C-alpha atoms as a PDB file:
ATOM      1  CA  UNK A   1       0.013  -0.084   0.254  1.00  0.00           C
ATOM      2  CA  UNK A   2       1.487   3.306  -0.838  1.00  0.00           C
ATOM      3  CA  UNK A   3       2.085   6.233   1.490  1.00  0.00           C
ATOM      4  CA  UNK A   4      -0.193   8.514  -0.624  1.00  0.00           C
ATOM      5  CA  UNK A   5      -3.028   5.889  -1.356  1.00  0.00           C
ATOM      6  CA  UNK A   6      -5.584   6.537   1.301  1.00  0.00           C
ATOM      7  CA  UNK A   7      -5.466  10.479   0.011  1.00  0.00           C
ATOM      8  CA  UNK A   8      -5.964   9.417  -3.614  1.00  0.00           C
ATOM      9  CA  UNK A   9      -9.137   6.975  -2.728  1.00  0.00           C
ATOM     10  CA  UNK A  10     -10.359   9.838  -0.105  1.00  0.00           C
ATOM     11  CA  UNK A  11     -10.056  12.568  -3.009  1.00  0.00           C
ATOM     12  CA  UNK A  12     -11.571  10.119  -5.482  1.00  0.00           C
ATOM     13  CA  UNK A  13     -14.601   9.972  -3.220  1.00  0.00           C
ATOM     14  CA  UNK A  14     -14.833  13.350  -3.064  1.00  0.00           C
ATOM     15  CA  UNK A  15     -14.926  13.925  -6.669  1.00  0.00           C
ATOM     16  CA  UNK A  16     -17.874  11.383  -6.927  1.00  0.00           C
ATOM     17  CA  UNK A  17     -19.866  13.491  -4.175  1.00  0.00           C
ATOM     18  CA  UNK A  18     -19.365  16.702  -5.512  1.00  0.00           C
ATOM     19  CA  UNK A  19     -20.133  15.647  -9.231  1.00  0.00           C
ATOM     20  CA  UNK A  20     -23.406  13.849  -7.967  1.00  0.00           C
ATOM     21  CA  UNK A  21     -24.280  17.051  -6.231  1.00  0.00           C
ATOM     22  CA  UNK A  22     -23.935  19.193  -9.558  1.00  0.00           C
ATOM     23  CA  UNK A  23     -26.334  16.590 -11.349  1.00  0.00           C
ATOM     24  CA  UNK A  24     -28.672  16.687  -8.388  1.00  0.00           C
ATOM     25  CA  UNK A  25     -28.461  20.253  -8.155  1.00  0.00           C
ATOM     26  CA  UNK A  26     -29.592  20.416 -12.079  1.00  0.00           C
ATOM     27  CA  UNK A  27     -32.538  18.011 -11.122  1.00  0.00           C
ATOM     28  CA  UNK A  28     -33.523  20.349  -8.466  1.00  0.00           C
ATOM     29  CA  UNK A  29     -33.345  23.256 -11.017  1.00  0.00           C
ATOM     30  CA  UNK A  30     -35.432  21.474 -13.626  1.00  0.00           C
ATOM     31  CA  UNK A  31     -38.211  20.920 -11.117  1.00  0.00           C
ATOM     32  CA  UNK A  32     -40.759  22.945 -13.024  1.00  0.00           C
ATOM     33  CA  UNK A  33     -39.394  21.770 -16.432  1.00  0.00           C
ATOM     34  CA  UNK A  34     -42.492  19.625 -18.336  1.00  0.00           C
ATOM     35  CA  UNK A  35     -41.029  16.489 -19.198  1.00  0.00           C
ATOM     36  CA  UNK A  36     -37.715  16.777 -17.663  1.00  0.00           C
ATOM     37  CA  UNK A  37     -36.238  13.452 -16.204  1.00  0.00           C
ATOM     38  CA  UNK A  38     -33.940  13.696 -13.123  1.00  0.00           C
ATOM     39  CA  UNK A  39     -30.539  12.209 -13.563  1.00  0.00           C
ATOM     40  CA  UNK A  40     -28.174  10.349 -11.001  1.00  0.00           C
ATOM     41  CA  UNK A  41     -24.607   9.471 -10.726  1.00  0.00           C
ATOM     42  CA  UNK A  42     -23.319   5.999 -10.301  1.00  0.00           C
ATOM     43  CA  UNK A  43     -19.853   5.007  -9.330  1.00  0.00           C
ATOM     44  CA  UNK A  44     -19.645   1.532 -10.839  1.00  0.00           C
ATOM     45  CA  UNK A  45     -16.068   1.233 -11.910  1.00  0.00           C
ATOM     46  CA  UNK A  46     -14.340   2.412  -8.825  1.00  0.00           C
ATOM     47  CA  UNK A  47     -16.523   0.419  -6.527  1.00  0.00           C
ATOM     48  CA  UNK A  48     -15.614  -2.469  -8.871  1.00  0.00           C
ATOM     49  CA  UNK A  49     -12.384  -2.050  -8.521  1.00  0.00           C
ATOM     50  CA  UNK A  50     -12.369  -1.465  -4.939  1.00  0.00           C
ATOM     51  CA  UNK A  51     -13.931  -4.995  -4.748  1.00  0.00           C
ATOM     52  CA  UNK A  52     -11.113  -6.492  -6.816  1.00  0.00           C
ATOM     53  CA  UNK A  53     -13.858  -8.640  -8.453  1.00  0.00           C
ATOM     54  CA  UNK A  54     -12.769 -11.574 -10.746  1.00  0.00           C
ATOM     55  CA  UNK A  55     -14.433 -13.222 -13.571  1.00  0.00           C
ATOM     56  CA  UNK A  56     -14.715 -16.655 -12.436  1.00  0.00           C
ATOM     57  CA  UNK A  57     -17.334 -17.825 -14.804  1.00  0.00           C
ATOM     58  CA  UNK A  58     -17.628 -17.094 -18.985  1.00  0.00           C
ATOM     59  CA  UNK A  59     -21.396 -16.073 -18.158  1.00  0.00           C
ATOM     60  CA  UNK A  60     -20.112 -13.270 -15.677  1.00  0.00           C
ATOM     61  CA  UNK A  61     -19.768  -9.722 -16.869  1.00  0.00           C
ATOM     62  CA  UNK A  62     -15.871  -8.649 -16.872  1.00  0.00           C
ATOM     63  CA  UNK A  63     -15.289  -6.216 -14.162  1.00  0.00           C
ATOM     64  CA  UNK A  64     -11.820  -5.303 -16.090  1.00  0.00           C
ATOM     65  CA  UNK A  65     -13.937  -3.704 -19.269  1.00  0.00           C
ATOM     66  CA  UNK A  66     -13.170  -0.366 -19.757  1.00  0.00           C
ATOM     67  CA  UNK A  67     -16.019   2.126 -18.610  1.00  0.00           C
ATOM     68  CA  UNK A  68     -16.050   5.574 -17.349  1.00  0.00           C
ATOM     69  CA  UNK A  69     -15.438   6.499 -13.824  1.00  0.00           C
ATOM     70  CA  UNK A  70     -18.809   7.533 -13.225  1.00  0.00           C
ATOM     71  CA  UNK A  71     -22.173   7.384 -15.150  1.00  0.00           C
ATOM     72  CA  UNK A  72     -25.151   9.401 -15.379  1.00  0.00           C
ATOM     73  CA  UNK A  73     -28.287   7.687 -15.586  1.00  0.00           C
ATOM     74  CA  UNK A  74     -31.874   8.740 -15.912  1.00  0.00           C
ATOM     75  CA  UNK A  75     -33.954   8.125 -12.884  1.00  0.00           C
ATOM     76  CA  UNK A  76     -37.316   6.571 -14.044  1.00  0.00           C
ATOM     77  CA  UNK A  77     -39.174   5.855 -10.665  1.00  0.00           C
ATOM     78  CA  UNK A  78     -41.219   8.895 -10.555  1.00  0.00           C
ATOM     79  CA  UNK A  79     -43.672  10.952 -12.776  1.00  0.00           C
ATOM     80  CA  UNK A  80     -45.601  13.790 -12.123  1.00  0.00           C
ATOM     81  CA  UNK A  81     -48.677  15.333 -14.344  1.00  0.00           C
ATOM     82  CA  UNK A  82     -46.612  17.054 -16.685  1.00  0.00           C
ATOM     83  CA  UNK A  83     -44.327  14.374 -17.308  1.00  0.00           C
ATOM     84  CA  UNK A  84     -41.649  16.083 -15.135  1.00  0.00           C
ATOM     85  CA  UNK A  85     -40.165  13.211 -13.004  1.00  0.00           C
ATOM     86  CA  UNK A  86     -38.477  15.090 -10.504  1.00  0.00           C
ATOM     87  CA  UNK A  87     -39.285  14.575  -6.859  1.00  0.00           C
ATOM     88  CA  UNK A  88     -37.949  17.242  -4.939  1.00  0.00           C
ATOM     89  CA  UNK A  89     -37.980  15.441  -1.340  1.00  0.00           C
ATOM     90  CA  UNK A  90     -35.947  13.003  -2.944  1.00  0.00           C
ATOM     91  CA  UNK A  91     -33.453  15.167  -4.665  1.00  0.00           C
ATOM     92  CA  UNK A  92     -33.291  17.277  -1.529  1.00  0.00           C
ATOM     93  CA  UNK A  93     -32.204  14.089   0.346  1.00  0.00           C
ATOM     94  CA  UNK A  94     -29.693  13.197  -1.782  1.00  0.00           C
ATOM     95  CA  UNK A  95     -28.544  16.435  -2.061  1.00  0.00           C
ATOM     96  CA  UNK A  96     -27.930  16.378   1.830  1.00  0.00           C
ATOM     97  CA  UNK A  97     -26.297  13.117   1.754  1.00  0.00           C
ATOM     98  CA  UNK A  98     -23.930  14.005  -0.902  1.00  0.00           C
ATOM     99  CA  UNK A  99     -23.078  17.069   1.383  1.00  0.00           C
ATOM    100  CA  UNK A 100     -22.597  14.640   4.273  1.00  0.00           C
ATOM    101  CA  UNK A 101     -20.362  12.600   2.542  1.00  0.00           C
ATOM    102  CA  UNK A 102     -18.324  15.299   1.188  1.00  0.00           C
ATOM    103  CA  UNK A 103     -17.696  16.762   4.976  1.00  0.00           C
ATOM    104  CA  UNK A 104     -16.749  13.273   5.875  1.00  0.00           C
ATOM    105  CA  UNK A 105     -14.298  12.744   3.595  1.00  0.00           C
ATOM    106  CA  UNK A 106     -12.869  16.414   4.043  1.00  0.00           C
ATOM    107  CA  UNK A 107     -12.654  15.385   7.651  1.00  0.00           C
ATOM    108  CA  UNK A 108     -10.534  11.982   6.787  1.00  0.00           C
ATOM    109  CA  UNK A 109      -8.662  13.833   4.542  1.00  0.00           C
ATOM    110  CA  UNK A 110      -7.746  16.393   7.231  1.00  0.00           C
ATOM    111  CA  UNK A 111      -6.882  13.489   9.660  1.00  0.00           C
ATOM    112  CA  UNK A 112      -4.756  11.551   6.807  1.00  0.00           C
ATOM    113  CA  UNK A 113      -2.680  14.942   6.182  1.00  0.00           C
ATOM    114  CA  UNK A 114      -1.973  15.199   9.891  1.00  0.00           C
ATOM    115  CA  UNK A 115      -0.724  11.813   9.983  1.00  0.00           C
ATOM    116  CA  UNK A 116       1.516  12.630   7.172  1.00  0.00           C
ATOM    117  CA  UNK A 117       2.958  15.711   8.646  1.00  0.00           C
ATOM    118  CA  UNK A 118       3.646  13.463  11.749  1.00  0.00           C
ATOM    119  CA  UNK A 119       5.558  11.175   9.769  1.00  0.00           C
ATOM    120  CA  UNK A 120       7.891  13.864   8.077  1.00  0.00           C
ATOM    121  CA  UNK A 121       8.462  15.561  11.521  1.00  0.00           C
ATOM    122  CA  UNK A 122       9.550  12.114  12.616  1.00  0.00           C
ATOM    123  CA  UNK A 123       7.131  12.005  15.709  1.00  0.00           C
END
């Protein structure tokens, strides 16, 4: 395990939640747009890599196939009277979750940097 690997992983998580917040904010901005379909962000490739999945059967999907790091998908679970599928309560809850995760990741980054400072100072 590299010295900076925890920082890299935390930075990747932070970039995911920042990007997801942007997508959710777009959904909220279009809450009154007729026919608008809300979008969300999924974290497939990095989750697969973190879990170290292996293809053990020819019928399995190859976890090593190239995919984008984050994938934006349409959310099909709600439809309003004008065809707008944005559920404001759900979007606000997802936005709050993303904000909490960013705060938690920032705190973890602060602690990891503190550890590195101690190592550098030789304590």
